[in-house]
Protein backbone atom coordinates (compact mmCIF):
# COMPACT_ATOMS: atom_id res chain seq x y z
CA MET A 1 0.08 -0.08 0.00
CA LYS A 2 1.26 3.50 -1.00
CA THR A 3 0.75 5.34 2.35
CA ILE A 4 1.16 8.88 0.91
CA ALA A 5 -1.15 8.18 -2.04
CA PHE A 6 -3.74 6.51 0.18
CA ILE A 7 -3.80 9.54 2.61
CA VAL A 8 -3.99 12.12 -0.21
CA ILE A 9 -6.97 10.14 -1.84
CA THR A 10 -8.73 9.75 1.49
CA LEU A 11 -8.36 13.51 2.61
CA LEU A 12 -8.75 15.05 -0.71
CA ALA A 13 -12.02 13.00 -1.49
CA GLY A 14 -13.58 13.78 1.88
CA ALA A 15 -12.65 17.56 1.69
CA ILE A 16 -14.24 18.04 -1.78
CA ALA A 17 -17.36 15.99 -0.90
CA GLY A 18 -17.65 17.94 2.40
CA THR A 19 -17.08 21.31 0.80
CA ILE A 20 -19.77 20.63 -1.68
CA LEU A 21 -22.17 19.56 1.02
CA GLY A 22 -21.56 22.88 2.86
CA VAL A 23 -22.23 24.79 -0.30
CA VAL A 24 -25.37 22.79 -1.13
CA ASN A 25 -26.59 23.14 2.33
CA GLN A 26 -26.34 26.96 2.32
CA LEU A 27 -28.75 26.86 -0.77
CA ALA A 28 -31.17 23.90 0.15
CA VAL A 29 -31.06 23.63 4.08
CA GLU A 30 -30.36 27.05 5.17
CA PRO A 31 -33.91 28.59 4.39
CA TYR A 32 -35.46 25.83 6.66
CA ILE A 33 -33.06 26.95 9.29
CA GLU A 34 -33.72 30.53 8.78
CA HIS A 35 -37.51 29.87 9.08
CA ALA A 36 -37.12 27.92 12.25
CA ILE A 37 -34.94 30.60 13.93
CA GLU A 38 -37.57 33.30 12.84
CA LEU A 39 -40.31 31.38 14.63
CA GLU A 40 -38.13 31.07 17.71
CA MET A 41 -37.30 34.64 17.69
CA GLN A 42 -40.93 35.54 17.44
CA ASN A 43 -41.74 33.29 20.54
CA THR A 44 -38.83 34.69 22.42
CA ALA A 45 -40.10 38.24 21.73
CA GLN A 46 -43.62 37.35 22.80
CA SER A 47 -42.34 35.96 26.11
CA GLY A 48 -40.97 39.50 27.00
CA GLN A 49 -37.21 38.64 26.37
CA VAL A 50 -35.04 41.49 24.78
CA ILE A 51 -33.07 40.59 21.70
CA ASN A 52 -30.17 42.62 20.29
CA PRO A 53 -30.77 42.67 16.45
CA ALA A 54 -27.26 43.60 15.61
CA GLU A 55 -25.55 40.83 17.82
CA PHE A 56 -28.07 38.22 16.40
CA ALA A 57 -27.24 39.33 12.81
CA ALA A 58 -23.63 39.02 13.55
CA TYR A 59 -24.04 35.79 14.96
CA ARG A 60 -26.10 34.38 11.89
CA PHE A 61 -23.39 35.84 9.59
CA TRP A 62 -20.70 34.04 11.30
CA GLN A 63 -23.05 30.85 11.46
CA LYS A 64 -23.74 30.87 7.81
CA GLY A 65 -19.94 31.47 6.92
CA GLY A 66 -18.79 28.68 8.96
CA GLU A 67 -21.18 26.18 7.56
CA ILE A 68 -18.87 25.61 4.40
CA ALA A 69 -15.84 25.21 6.68
CA ALA A 70 -17.83 22.76 8.90
CA GLY A 71 -18.64 20.84 5.82
CA THR A 72 -15.19 20.46 4.99
CA ILE A 73 -14.17 19.41 8.38
CA LEU A 74 -16.94 16.82 8.45
CA GLY A 75 -15.85 15.56 5.09
CA LEU A 76 -12.23 15.10 6.23
CA SER A 77 -13.34 13.21 9.26
CA ILE A 78 -15.83 11.09 7.61
CA GLY A 79 -13.45 10.58 4.62
CA SER A 80 -10.65 9.35 6.86
CA LEU A 81 -12.82 6.81 8.38
CA TYR A 82 -14.39 5.86 4.89
CA GLY A 83 -10.76 5.34 3.57
CA ILE A 84 -9.86 2.88 6.27
CA VAL A 85 -13.10 0.99 5.71
CA PHE A 86 -12.55 0.89 2.03
CA ALA A 87 -8.84 -0.32 2.30
CA TYR A 88 -9.99 -3.15 4.56
CA THR A 89 -13.12 -4.44 2.67
CA ARG A 90 -12.11 -3.64 -0.95
CA GLY A 91 -11.35 -7.16 -1.57
CA MET A 92 -14.72 -8.45 -0.23
CA VAL A 93 -16.91 -5.88 -2.00
CA PRO A 94 -18.35 -6.95 -5.54
CA GLY A 95 -17.78 -4.70 -8.39
CA SER A 96 -15.82 -4.60 -11.68
CA ASN A 97 -13.80 -1.46 -10.80
CA ASN A 98 -12.79 0.54 -7.78
CA LYS A 99 -15.31 3.32 -8.39
CA LYS A 100 -18.20 0.75 -8.13
CA LYS A 101 -16.63 -0.80 -5.06
CA ALA A 102 -16.34 2.63 -3.46
CA LEU A 103 -19.98 3.49 -4.24
CA ILE A 104 -21.06 0.23 -2.65
CA VAL A 105 -18.87 0.87 0.52
CA ALA A 106 -20.20 4.39 0.59
CA GLY A 107 -23.79 3.05 0.33
CA ILE A 108 -23.30 0.69 3.26
CA MET A 109 -21.69 3.34 5.59
CA TRP A 110 -24.65 5.73 4.48
CA LEU A 111 -27.04 3.00 5.63
CA VAL A 112 -25.22 2.21 8.91
CA LEU A 113 -23.99 5.65 9.99
CA PHE A 114 -26.88 7.82 8.71
CA LEU A 115 -30.14 6.14 7.64
CA MET A 116 -30.44 3.74 10.68
CA PRO A 117 -30.10 6.52 13.18
CA ALA A 118 -32.29 8.88 11.48
CA LEU A 119 -35.09 6.32 11.38
CA LYS A 120 -34.99 6.26 15.04
CA TYR A 121 -34.00 9.77 15.80
CA PRO A 122 -34.82 12.05 12.70
CA ALA A 123 -33.13 15.47 12.52
CA ASN A 124 -35.09 18.42 13.27
CA PRO A 125 -34.30 22.12 12.48
CA PRO A 126 -32.88 24.38 15.18
CA ALA A 127 -35.03 25.67 18.01
CA VAL A 128 -37.31 22.48 17.71
CA GLY A 129 -37.52 20.75 21.05
CA ASN A 130 -36.86 21.49 24.83
CA PRO A 131 -33.41 22.95 25.44
CA GLU A 132 -33.25 21.18 28.75
CA THR A 133 -33.36 17.64 27.04
CA ILE A 134 -30.78 18.43 24.39
CA TYR A 135 -27.93 16.44 26.23
CA TYR A 136 -30.27 13.46 26.75
CA ARG A 137 -31.37 13.48 23.16
CA GLN A 138 -27.75 13.59 21.91
CA SER A 139 -26.97 10.69 24.13
CA LEU A 140 -29.86 8.64 22.77
CA TYR A 141 -28.71 9.32 19.12
CA ILE A 142 -25.04 8.61 19.77
CA ALA A 143 -25.96 5.37 21.60
CA PHE A 144 -28.03 4.05 18.52
CA LEU A 145 -25.33 5.19 16.24
CA ALA A 146 -22.78 3.33 18.15
CA ILE A 147 -24.97 0.21 18.28
CA SER A 148 -25.28 0.44 14.47
CA GLY A 149 -21.77 1.04 13.81
CA PHE A 150 -20.13 -1.51 16.06
CA SER A 151 -22.63 -4.07 15.02
CA ALA A 152 -21.79 -3.47 11.36
CA LEU A 153 -17.99 -3.56 12.22
CA GLY A 154 -18.29 -6.85 14.06
CA LEU A 155 -20.31 -8.53 11.40
CA ALA A 156 -17.83 -7.25 8.67
CA PHE A 157 -14.98 -9.15 10.66
CA LEU A 158 -17.30 -12.26 10.72
CA TYR A 159 -17.99 -12.04 6.89
CA PRO A 160 -14.80 -13.70 5.72
CA LYS A 161 -15.39 -16.72 8.05
CA VAL A 162 -19.08 -17.04 6.96
CA THR A 163 -17.72 -17.07 3.34
CA SER A 164 -15.09 -19.66 3.88
CA LEU A 165 -17.56 -22.01 5.46
CA ASN A 166 -19.84 -21.79 2.51
CA THR A 167 -22.66 -20.43 4.72
CA ASN A 168 -25.46 -18.50 3.25
CA LYS A 169 -24.12 -14.90 2.98
CA ALA A 170 -27.45 -13.44 3.70
CA ILE A 171 -26.92 -14.24 7.43
CA ILE A 172 -24.85 -11.17 7.89
CA PRO A 173 -27.28 -8.63 6.72
CA SER A 174 -30.09 -10.64 8.42
CA ALA A 175 -28.04 -10.48 11.58
CA TYR A 176 -27.55 -6.75 11.32
CA ALA A 177 -31.29 -6.25 10.69
CA ALA A 178 -32.13 -8.19 13.73
CA ILE A 179 -29.91 -6.27 16.04
CA MET A 180 -31.13 -2.97 14.70
CA ALA A 181 -34.71 -3.91 14.99
CA GLY A 182 -34.10 -4.86 18.63
CA ALA A 183 -32.33 -1.69 19.25
CA TYR A 184 -35.10 0.27 17.55
CA LEU A 185 -37.74 -1.30 19.71
CA ALA A 186 -35.69 -1.35 22.99
CA MET A 187 -34.39 2.24 23.04
CA PRO A 188 -36.63 5.17 24.24
CA ALA A 189 -38.35 7.47 21.72
CA ASN A 190 -37.53 11.29 21.41
CA PRO A 191 -38.86 12.81 24.66
CA ASP A 192 -39.83 16.12 23.11
CA SER A 193 -43.04 16.79 21.18
CA ILE A 194 -42.74 18.76 17.85
CA ASN A 195 -43.55 22.34 18.54
CA ALA A 196 -42.93 23.79 15.03
CA PRO A 197 -45.07 23.63 11.83
CA ILE A 198 -44.97 20.01 10.52
CA ASP A 199 -44.46 21.19 6.96
CA LEU A 200 -41.13 22.92 8.26
CA VAL A 201 -40.02 19.87 10.13
CA ILE A 202 -40.73 17.48 7.21
CA GLY A 203 -38.98 19.81 4.61
CA PHE A 204 -36.04 20.14 6.80
CA ARG A 205 -35.73 16.25 7.13
CA ILE A 206 -36.28 15.39 3.42
CA THR A 207 -33.89 18.13 2.35
CA SER A 208 -31.17 17.22 4.78
CA THR A 209 -31.58 13.58 3.87
CA ILE A 210 -30.92 14.39 0.24
CA THR A 211 -27.97 16.53 0.83
CA ILE A 212 -26.27 13.98 3.11
CA SER A 213 -27.12 11.23 0.75
CA MET A 214 -25.45 13.33 -2.13
CA PHE A 215 -22.46 13.79 0.18
CA TRP A 216 -22.03 9.97 0.67
CA GLY A 217 -22.56 9.55 -3.24
CA LEU A 218 -20.00 12.00 -4.13
CA LEU A 219 -17.42 10.66 -1.55
CA GLY A 220 -17.79 7.20 -3.22
CA ILE A 221 -17.41 8.52 -6.85
CA ILE A 222 -14.62 10.92 -5.96
CA PHE A 223 -12.69 8.37 -3.74
CA GLY A 224 -13.13 5.47 -6.43
CA THR A 225 -12.00 7.79 -9.32
CA PHE A 226 -8.86 8.92 -7.31
CA TRP A 227 -8.08 5.30 -6.45
CA ASP A 228 -8.24 4.19 -9.97
CA LYS A 229 -6.00 6.98 -11.21
CA LEU A 230 -3.38 6.77 -8.35
CA ASN A 231 -3.64 2.93 -7.53
CA PRO A 232 -2.29 3.23 -3.86
CA ASP A 233 -2.87 -0.61 -3.67
CA GLU A 234 -0.07 -1.41 -6.32
CA THR A 235 3.47 -2.00 -5.17
CA THR A 236 6.47 -1.75 -7.43
CA ARG A 237 7.89 -5.18 -8.34
CA ILE A 238 11.60 -5.69 -9.08
CA SER A 239 12.37 -8.45 -11.48
CA VAL A 240 15.64 -10.37 -11.39
CA ARG A 241 17.16 -11.37 -14.70
């Protein structure tokens, strides 16, 4: 394995996909966030609290500007994890080329790290939910994410053994589905009721799902393309004559 080429591919693919996510979120997701914050501001004003418009405008300007940088950082972190997973599983993943393999791995990680937790604890726009329960809600989400991630990781280590025994390969995804179904039923629901317009909440969830799915797809395509061009898995062979 060419270590430098592997690191470059991993970080560059993650940074590009994450930056694009940040830009797209500015256009697609930000209007829902803006609407949710406006509603919260109205509720705050009605309760008699004083809001400094200048400070709030400066905060929102900083927040919007940092969204692209946050997307890049997110892409770098997820891309690093993705690169390690791809390098380990590339030989087990079906596909005629590395781009197809990379897309399959990205799809599996999207399912494990995003879709499964989102089905149990879907995202809400800012200012939705009780601020006093935010740490509890975050702990629930992280716990469910950990169950999904570590279950998939453990089953991935078992996959070669199942294959070597000529056992039905469907036992691995079936075991994962059973674990997640049990976790879904066992873990408590979100304790907060939705106190925002339902069309705002649904629109935010759908749009966020689309942009995150786009990120994972781009990560797989960009990573696979770079891998085919740089071939970090190839080693130089010295022939003796």
